[in-house]
Amino acid sequence: MADKTIVQLAVFEAPARRVFEALTDSAQHSAFTGAAASIDARPGGSFSAYDGYISGKFLELEPGARYVQRWRASDWPEGVFSTVSVELGEKRGVSTLRFTQQGVPEAFAEEIAQGWHDFYWDRLRLYLEKPPGR
């Protein structure tokens, strides 16, 4: 089966640690996506998001800086996983997120690439703009 690699860059007006925590904490992830998430953010820890549509395991994790996941969507062929890498940098309170997803089945690549923008980066940006506690 042919596969694709998705590479994206997202910028957030928030510290890198806050971006990282929103992506790797079950409650914050659920808050910004509006869907259930269960995240065990440690190497070997499992995660699921969007009410089980996304699942996988953390392969590597450096708190506040980067993580690598074995990642799949529930509508992909059985046993097919991709590798997601997220790296964060920060300059003067503005974070840059470098995202790479390798091994996305070609038939799903366009939809998945757009989904990262629509269901992650745009929603995360709105969430991070809210003052804490609101």
N, C-alpha and C. Protein backbone atom coordinates (compact mmCIF):
# COMPACT_ATOMS: atom_id res chain seq x y z
N MET A 1 0.85 -1.18 0.00
CA MET A 1 0.00 0.00 0.00
C MET A 1 0.90 1.24 0.00
N ALA A 2 0.61 2.19 -0.89
CA ALA A 2 1.38 3.44 -0.96
C ALA A 2 1.03 4.33 0.23
N ASP A 3 2.04 5.07 0.69
CA ASP A 3 1.78 5.98 1.79
C ASP A 3 2.41 7.34 1.52
N LYS A 4 2.02 8.30 2.32
CA LYS A 4 2.46 9.69 2.18
C LYS A 4 3.02 10.19 3.50
N THR A 5 3.78 11.28 3.40
CA THR A 5 4.27 11.99 4.58
C THR A 5 3.64 13.37 4.60
N ILE A 6 3.13 13.78 5.75
CA ILE A 6 2.53 15.10 5.94
C ILE A 6 3.51 15.90 6.79
N VAL A 7 3.83 17.11 6.33
CA VAL A 7 4.70 18.01 7.09
C VAL A 7 3.96 19.33 7.24
N GLN A 8 3.85 19.82 8.47
CA GLN A 8 3.15 21.07 8.72
C GLN A 8 3.90 21.89 9.77
N LEU A 9 3.65 23.19 9.75
CA LEU A 9 4.20 24.12 10.72
C LEU A 9 3.04 24.92 11.27
N ALA A 10 2.97 25.05 12.59
CA ALA A 10 1.92 25.85 13.23
C ALA A 10 2.57 26.76 14.25
N VAL A 11 2.05 27.97 14.37
CA VAL A 11 2.59 28.95 15.30
C VAL A 11 1.49 29.32 16.30
N PHE A 12 1.87 29.37 17.58
CA PHE A 12 0.92 29.65 18.65
C PHE A 12 1.49 30.76 19.54
N GLU A 13 0.66 31.71 19.89
CA GLU A 13 1.09 32.76 20.80
C GLU A 13 0.90 32.29 22.23
N ALA A 14 1.73 31.33 22.59
CA ALA A 14 1.71 30.71 23.92
C ALA A 14 3.05 30.03 24.14
N PRO A 15 3.46 29.87 25.39
CA PRO A 15 4.70 29.16 25.67
C PRO A 15 4.65 27.70 25.19
N ALA A 16 5.79 27.17 24.80
CA ALA A 16 5.86 25.80 24.30
C ALA A 16 5.32 24.80 25.31
N ARG A 17 5.61 25.00 26.59
CA ARG A 17 5.13 24.07 27.61
C ARG A 17 3.60 24.02 27.62
N ARG A 18 2.96 25.15 27.45
CA ARG A 18 1.49 25.18 27.45
C ARG A 18 0.93 24.44 26.22
N VAL A 19 1.55 24.64 25.07
CA VAL A 19 1.12 23.93 23.86
C VAL A 19 1.29 22.42 24.05
N PHE A 20 2.45 22.03 24.55
CA PHE A 20 2.75 20.61 24.78
C PHE A 20 1.73 19.99 25.73
N GLU A 21 1.45 20.68 26.84
CA GLU A 21 0.50 20.14 27.82
C GLU A 21 -0.90 20.02 27.25
N ALA A 22 -1.33 20.96 26.44
CA ALA A 22 -2.66 20.88 25.84
C ALA A 22 -2.77 19.65 24.93
N LEU A 23 -1.68 19.32 24.26
CA LEU A 23 -1.69 18.17 23.35
C LEU A 23 -1.56 16.83 24.07
N THR A 24 -0.98 16.83 25.27
CA THR A 24 -0.65 15.56 25.94
C THR A 24 -1.39 15.34 27.26
N ASP A 25 -2.28 16.22 27.64
CA ASP A 25 -3.06 16.07 28.87
C ASP A 25 -4.52 15.76 28.48
N SER A 26 -5.07 14.69 29.01
CA SER A 26 -6.42 14.25 28.62
C SER A 26 -7.46 15.35 28.75
N ALA A 27 -7.49 16.03 29.90
CA ALA A 27 -8.52 17.04 30.15
C ALA A 27 -8.38 18.23 29.21
N GLN A 28 -7.16 18.72 29.02
CA GLN A 28 -6.95 19.86 28.14
C GLN A 28 -7.23 19.48 26.68
N HIS A 29 -6.79 18.31 26.29
CA HIS A 29 -7.04 17.84 24.92
C HIS A 29 -8.54 17.77 24.66
N SER A 30 -9.27 17.20 25.60
CA SER A 30 -10.73 17.13 25.47
C SER A 30 -11.35 18.52 25.41
N ALA A 31 -10.81 19.45 26.22
CA ALA A 31 -11.35 20.81 26.26
C ALA A 31 -11.18 21.52 24.91
N PHE A 32 -10.03 21.40 24.28
CA PHE A 32 -9.86 22.14 23.03
C PHE A 32 -10.46 21.43 21.83
N THR A 33 -10.58 20.10 21.86
CA THR A 33 -11.17 19.39 20.72
C THR A 33 -12.68 19.22 20.85
N GLY A 34 -13.18 19.23 22.08
CA GLY A 34 -14.61 18.99 22.29
C GLY A 34 -14.98 17.52 22.21
N ALA A 35 -13.98 16.62 22.29
CA ALA A 35 -14.23 15.18 22.19
C ALA A 35 -13.39 14.46 23.24
N ALA A 36 -13.83 13.28 23.63
CA ALA A 36 -13.15 12.51 24.66
C ALA A 36 -11.73 12.14 24.24
N ALA A 37 -10.81 12.26 25.22
CA ALA A 37 -9.42 11.86 25.01
C ALA A 37 -8.92 11.16 26.27
N SER A 38 -8.10 10.17 26.09
CA SER A 38 -7.44 9.46 27.19
C SER A 38 -5.97 9.36 26.81
N ILE A 39 -5.11 10.06 27.57
CA ILE A 39 -3.71 10.19 27.18
C ILE A 39 -2.81 9.83 28.35
N ASP A 40 -1.95 8.84 28.15
CA ASP A 40 -0.93 8.43 29.12
C ASP A 40 0.41 8.87 28.53
N ALA A 41 0.78 10.13 28.80
CA ALA A 41 1.93 10.76 28.15
C ALA A 41 3.25 10.33 28.78
N ARG A 42 3.70 9.16 28.37
CA ARG A 42 5.01 8.63 28.77
C ARG A 42 5.41 7.62 27.71
N PRO A 43 6.71 7.39 27.53
CA PRO A 43 7.12 6.39 26.54
C PRO A 43 6.45 5.05 26.83
N GLY A 44 5.78 4.48 25.83
CA GLY A 44 5.03 3.24 25.99
C GLY A 44 3.58 3.45 26.39
N GLY A 45 3.22 4.68 26.76
CA GLY A 45 1.85 4.99 27.17
C GLY A 45 0.92 5.08 25.97
N SER A 46 -0.31 4.65 26.17
CA SER A 46 -1.32 4.66 25.11
C SER A 46 -2.09 5.97 25.10
N PHE A 47 -2.71 6.26 23.98
CA PHE A 47 -3.59 7.42 23.89
C PHE A 47 -4.74 7.10 22.95
N SER A 48 -5.86 7.77 23.17
CA SER A 48 -6.95 7.78 22.20
C SER A 48 -7.55 9.17 22.26
N ALA A 49 -8.08 9.62 21.13
CA ALA A 49 -8.65 10.96 21.04
C ALA A 49 -9.81 10.94 20.06
N TYR A 50 -10.56 12.02 20.09
CA TYR A 50 -11.73 12.15 19.24
C TYR A 50 -12.64 10.94 19.38
N ASP A 51 -13.00 10.67 20.63
CA ASP A 51 -13.93 9.59 20.96
C ASP A 51 -13.48 8.24 20.39
N GLY A 52 -12.16 8.02 20.35
CA GLY A 52 -11.62 6.75 19.88
C GLY A 52 -11.28 6.68 18.41
N TYR A 53 -11.54 7.76 17.67
CA TYR A 53 -11.21 7.75 16.24
C TYR A 53 -9.69 7.64 16.02
N ILE A 54 -8.92 8.25 16.92
CA ILE A 54 -7.46 8.23 16.85
C ILE A 54 -6.93 7.43 18.03
N SER A 55 -5.91 6.60 17.79
CA SER A 55 -5.31 5.85 18.90
C SER A 55 -3.86 5.52 18.57
N GLY A 56 -3.14 5.13 19.62
CA GLY A 56 -1.75 4.74 19.42
C GLY A 56 -0.97 4.71 20.71
N LYS A 57 0.35 4.84 20.57
CA LYS A 57 1.26 4.80 21.72
C LYS A 57 2.34 5.86 21.55
N PHE A 58 2.81 6.36 22.70
CA PHE A 58 3.97 7.25 22.69
C PHE A 58 5.22 6.40 22.57
N LEU A 59 6.08 6.75 21.63
CA LEU A 59 7.35 6.06 21.46
C LEU A 59 8.47 6.81 22.17
N GLU A 60 8.43 8.13 22.08
CA GLU A 60 9.43 9.00 22.72
C GLU A 60 8.70 10.21 23.27
N LEU A 61 9.27 10.81 24.32
CA LEU A 61 8.65 11.99 24.91
C LEU A 61 9.69 12.78 25.68
N GLU A 62 9.80 14.07 25.35
CA GLU A 62 10.60 15.02 26.10
C GLU A 62 9.64 16.12 26.52
N PRO A 63 9.18 16.12 27.78
CA PRO A 63 8.17 17.08 28.23
C PRO A 63 8.48 18.52 27.84
N GLY A 64 7.49 19.17 27.25
CA GLY A 64 7.61 20.55 26.86
C GLY A 64 8.32 20.78 25.54
N ALA A 65 8.90 19.73 24.95
CA ALA A 65 9.73 19.93 23.77
C ALA A 65 9.34 19.08 22.56
N ARG A 66 9.11 17.79 22.76
CA ARG A 66 8.84 16.93 21.60
C ARG A 66 8.23 15.60 22.02
N TYR A 67 7.57 14.96 21.07
CA TYR A 67 7.13 13.58 21.25
C TYR A 67 7.00 12.90 19.90
N VAL A 68 7.06 11.57 19.95
CA VAL A 68 6.87 10.73 18.77
C VAL A 68 5.82 9.68 19.15
N GLN A 69 4.86 9.48 18.26
CA GLN A 69 3.78 8.53 18.52
C GLN A 69 3.63 7.54 17.37
N ARG A 70 3.21 6.34 17.72
CA ARG A 70 2.68 5.37 16.76
C ARG A 70 1.18 5.68 16.72
N TRP A 71 0.64 6.05 15.56
CA TRP A 71 -0.66 6.71 15.44
C TRP A 71 -1.48 6.07 14.33
N ARG A 72 -2.78 5.91 14.61
CA ARG A 72 -3.68 5.41 13.56
C ARG A 72 -5.08 5.98 13.73
N ALA A 73 -5.81 6.01 12.64
CA ALA A 73 -7.22 6.39 12.64
C ALA A 73 -8.04 5.11 12.53
N SER A 74 -9.21 5.09 13.15
CA SER A 74 -10.01 3.86 13.22
C SER A 74 -10.54 3.41 11.87
N ASP A 75 -10.60 4.30 10.88
CA ASP A 75 -11.11 3.89 9.57
C ASP A 75 -9.99 3.46 8.61
N TRP A 76 -8.76 3.38 9.09
CA TRP A 76 -7.65 2.88 8.28
C TRP A 76 -7.71 1.37 8.22
N PRO A 77 -7.06 0.76 7.22
CA PRO A 77 -7.01 -0.70 7.17
C PRO A 77 -6.40 -1.27 8.47
N GLU A 78 -6.88 -2.41 8.89
CA GLU A 78 -6.43 -3.05 10.12
C GLU A 78 -4.90 -3.19 10.14
N GLY A 79 -4.31 -2.84 11.27
CA GLY A 79 -2.87 -2.99 11.45
C GLY A 79 -2.01 -1.91 10.84
N VAL A 80 -2.60 -0.90 10.21
CA VAL A 80 -1.83 0.18 9.59
C VAL A 80 -1.64 1.32 10.59
N PHE A 81 -0.38 1.69 10.82
CA PHE A 81 -0.03 2.78 11.73
C PHE A 81 0.88 3.76 11.01
N SER A 82 0.85 5.00 11.43
CA SER A 82 1.79 6.00 10.96
C SER A 82 2.66 6.42 12.15
N THR A 83 3.65 7.25 11.89
CA THR A 83 4.50 7.79 12.95
C THR A 83 4.34 9.30 12.94
N VAL A 84 3.89 9.85 14.08
CA VAL A 84 3.71 11.28 14.25
C VAL A 84 4.85 11.81 15.11
N SER A 85 5.49 12.90 14.64
CA SER A 85 6.53 13.58 15.40
C SER A 85 6.13 15.04 15.58
N VAL A 86 6.20 15.52 16.81
CA VAL A 86 5.91 16.91 17.12
C VAL A 86 7.12 17.49 17.84
N GLU A 87 7.63 18.60 17.32
CA GLU A 87 8.75 19.30 17.95
C GLU A 87 8.35 20.74 18.17
N LEU A 88 8.60 21.23 19.38
CA LEU A 88 8.23 22.59 19.75
C LEU A 88 9.46 23.43 20.02
N GLY A 89 9.41 24.67 19.54
CA GLY A 89 10.43 25.66 19.85
C GLY A 89 9.71 26.91 20.34
N GLU A 90 10.42 27.76 21.05
CA GLU A 90 9.79 28.97 21.58
C GLU A 90 10.75 30.13 21.51
N LYS A 91 10.22 31.28 21.12
CA LYS A 91 10.99 32.52 21.11
C LYS A 91 10.07 33.62 21.59
N ARG A 92 10.44 34.27 22.68
CA ARG A 92 9.67 35.39 23.27
C ARG A 92 8.19 35.04 23.47
N GLY A 93 7.92 33.86 23.99
CA GLY A 93 6.55 33.45 24.31
C GLY A 93 5.72 32.96 23.14
N VAL A 94 6.31 32.90 21.96
CA VAL A 94 5.61 32.40 20.77
C VAL A 94 6.21 31.03 20.43
N SER A 95 5.34 30.05 20.26
CA SER A 95 5.78 28.68 19.99
C SER A 95 5.62 28.32 18.53
N THR A 96 6.59 27.58 18.03
CA THR A 96 6.54 27.02 16.69
C THR A 96 6.47 25.50 16.84
N LEU A 97 5.47 24.92 16.22
CA LEU A 97 5.28 23.47 16.27
C LEU A 97 5.61 22.92 14.89
N ARG A 98 6.58 22.01 14.85
CA ARG A 98 6.93 21.33 13.60
C ARG A 98 6.34 19.92 13.68
N PHE A 99 5.52 19.61 12.70
CA PHE A 99 4.75 18.37 12.71
C PHE A 99 5.11 17.54 11.48
N THR A 100 5.37 16.26 11.72
CA THR A 100 5.61 15.32 10.61
C THR A 100 4.82 14.05 10.90
N GLN A 101 4.12 13.56 9.90
CA GLN A 101 3.41 12.28 10.01
C GLN A 101 3.80 11.42 8.82
N GLN A 102 4.54 10.36 9.10
CA GLN A 102 5.03 9.45 8.07
C GLN A 102 4.17 8.19 8.03
N GLY A 103 3.98 7.66 6.83
CA GLY A 103 3.26 6.40 6.69
C GLY A 103 1.75 6.52 6.65
N VAL A 104 1.23 7.68 6.23
CA VAL A 104 -0.22 7.86 6.10
C VAL A 104 -0.67 7.18 4.82
N PRO A 105 -1.65 6.27 4.90
CA PRO A 105 -2.14 5.63 3.67
C PRO A 105 -2.55 6.69 2.65
N GLU A 106 -2.09 6.52 1.42
CA GLU A 106 -2.30 7.52 0.37
C GLU A 106 -3.77 7.93 0.23
N ALA A 107 -4.68 6.98 0.34
CA ALA A 107 -6.10 7.27 0.17
C ALA A 107 -6.65 8.20 1.26
N PHE A 108 -5.94 8.32 2.39
CA PHE A 108 -6.40 9.13 3.51
C PHE A 108 -5.58 10.41 3.70
N ALA A 109 -4.49 10.55 2.98
CA ALA A 109 -3.52 11.62 3.24
C ALA A 109 -4.10 13.03 3.15
N GLU A 110 -4.86 13.32 2.13
CA GLU A 110 -5.41 14.68 1.98
C GLU A 110 -6.36 15.01 3.12
N GLU A 111 -7.24 14.07 3.45
CA GLU A 111 -8.21 14.28 4.54
C GLU A 111 -7.49 14.44 5.88
N ILE A 112 -6.49 13.62 6.15
CA ILE A 112 -5.76 13.69 7.41
C ILE A 112 -5.00 15.01 7.50
N ALA A 113 -4.35 15.42 6.42
CA ALA A 113 -3.60 16.68 6.42
C ALA A 113 -4.52 17.86 6.73
N GLN A 114 -5.68 17.90 6.10
CA GLN A 114 -6.63 18.98 6.37
C GLN A 114 -7.18 18.88 7.79
N GLY A 115 -7.38 17.66 8.26
CA GLY A 115 -7.88 17.45 9.62
C GLY A 115 -6.96 18.01 10.69
N TRP A 116 -5.65 17.92 10.49
CA TRP A 116 -4.72 18.51 11.48
C TRP A 116 -4.97 20.00 11.60
N HIS A 117 -5.21 20.68 10.49
CA HIS A 117 -5.50 22.12 10.55
C HIS A 117 -6.85 22.37 11.22
N ASP A 118 -7.88 21.71 10.72
CA ASP A 118 -9.25 21.98 11.17
C ASP A 118 -9.52 21.53 12.60
N PHE A 119 -9.03 20.36 12.97
CA PHE A 119 -9.39 19.77 14.25
C PHE A 119 -8.31 19.88 15.31
N TYR A 120 -7.12 20.32 14.92
CA TYR A 120 -6.04 20.49 15.90
C TYR A 120 -5.53 21.92 15.94
N TRP A 121 -4.79 22.36 14.95
CA TRP A 121 -4.09 23.64 15.06
C TRP A 121 -5.06 24.80 15.22
N ASP A 122 -6.14 24.86 14.45
CA ASP A 122 -7.10 25.97 14.59
C ASP A 122 -7.79 25.95 15.95
N ARG A 123 -8.23 24.78 16.40
CA ARG A 123 -8.91 24.68 17.69
C ARG A 123 -7.96 24.92 18.85
N LEU A 124 -6.73 24.43 18.72
CA LEU A 124 -5.74 24.64 19.77
C LEU A 124 -5.40 26.12 19.89
N ARG A 125 -5.28 26.80 18.77
CA ARG A 125 -5.00 28.24 18.79
C ARG A 125 -6.10 28.99 19.54
N LEU A 126 -7.35 28.68 19.27
CA LEU A 126 -8.47 29.32 19.98
C LEU A 126 -8.42 29.02 21.47
N TYR A 127 -8.16 27.77 21.82
CA TYR A 127 -8.08 27.35 23.23
C TYR A 127 -6.97 28.11 23.96
N LEU A 128 -5.82 28.23 23.33
CA LEU A 128 -4.68 28.88 23.98
C LEU A 128 -4.87 30.39 24.12
N GLU A 129 -5.73 30.98 23.29
CA GLU A 129 -5.98 32.41 23.40
C GLU A 129 -6.87 32.76 24.59
N LYS A 130 -7.60 31.78 25.11
CA LYS A 130 -8.46 32.03 26.27
C LYS A 130 -7.61 32.18 27.52
N PRO A 131 -7.96 33.13 28.38
CA PRO A 131 -7.23 33.24 29.64
C PRO A 131 -7.38 31.95 30.44
N PRO A 132 -6.34 31.53 31.17
CA PRO A 132 -6.45 30.31 32.00
C PRO A 132 -7.66 30.37 32.92
N GLY A 133 -8.31 29.22 33.07
CA GLY A 133 -9.49 29.14 33.94
C GLY A 133 -10.79 29.50 33.28
N ARG A 134 -10.78 29.82 32.01
CA ARG A 134 -12.02 30.18 31.30
C ARG A 134 -12.34 29.20 30.23
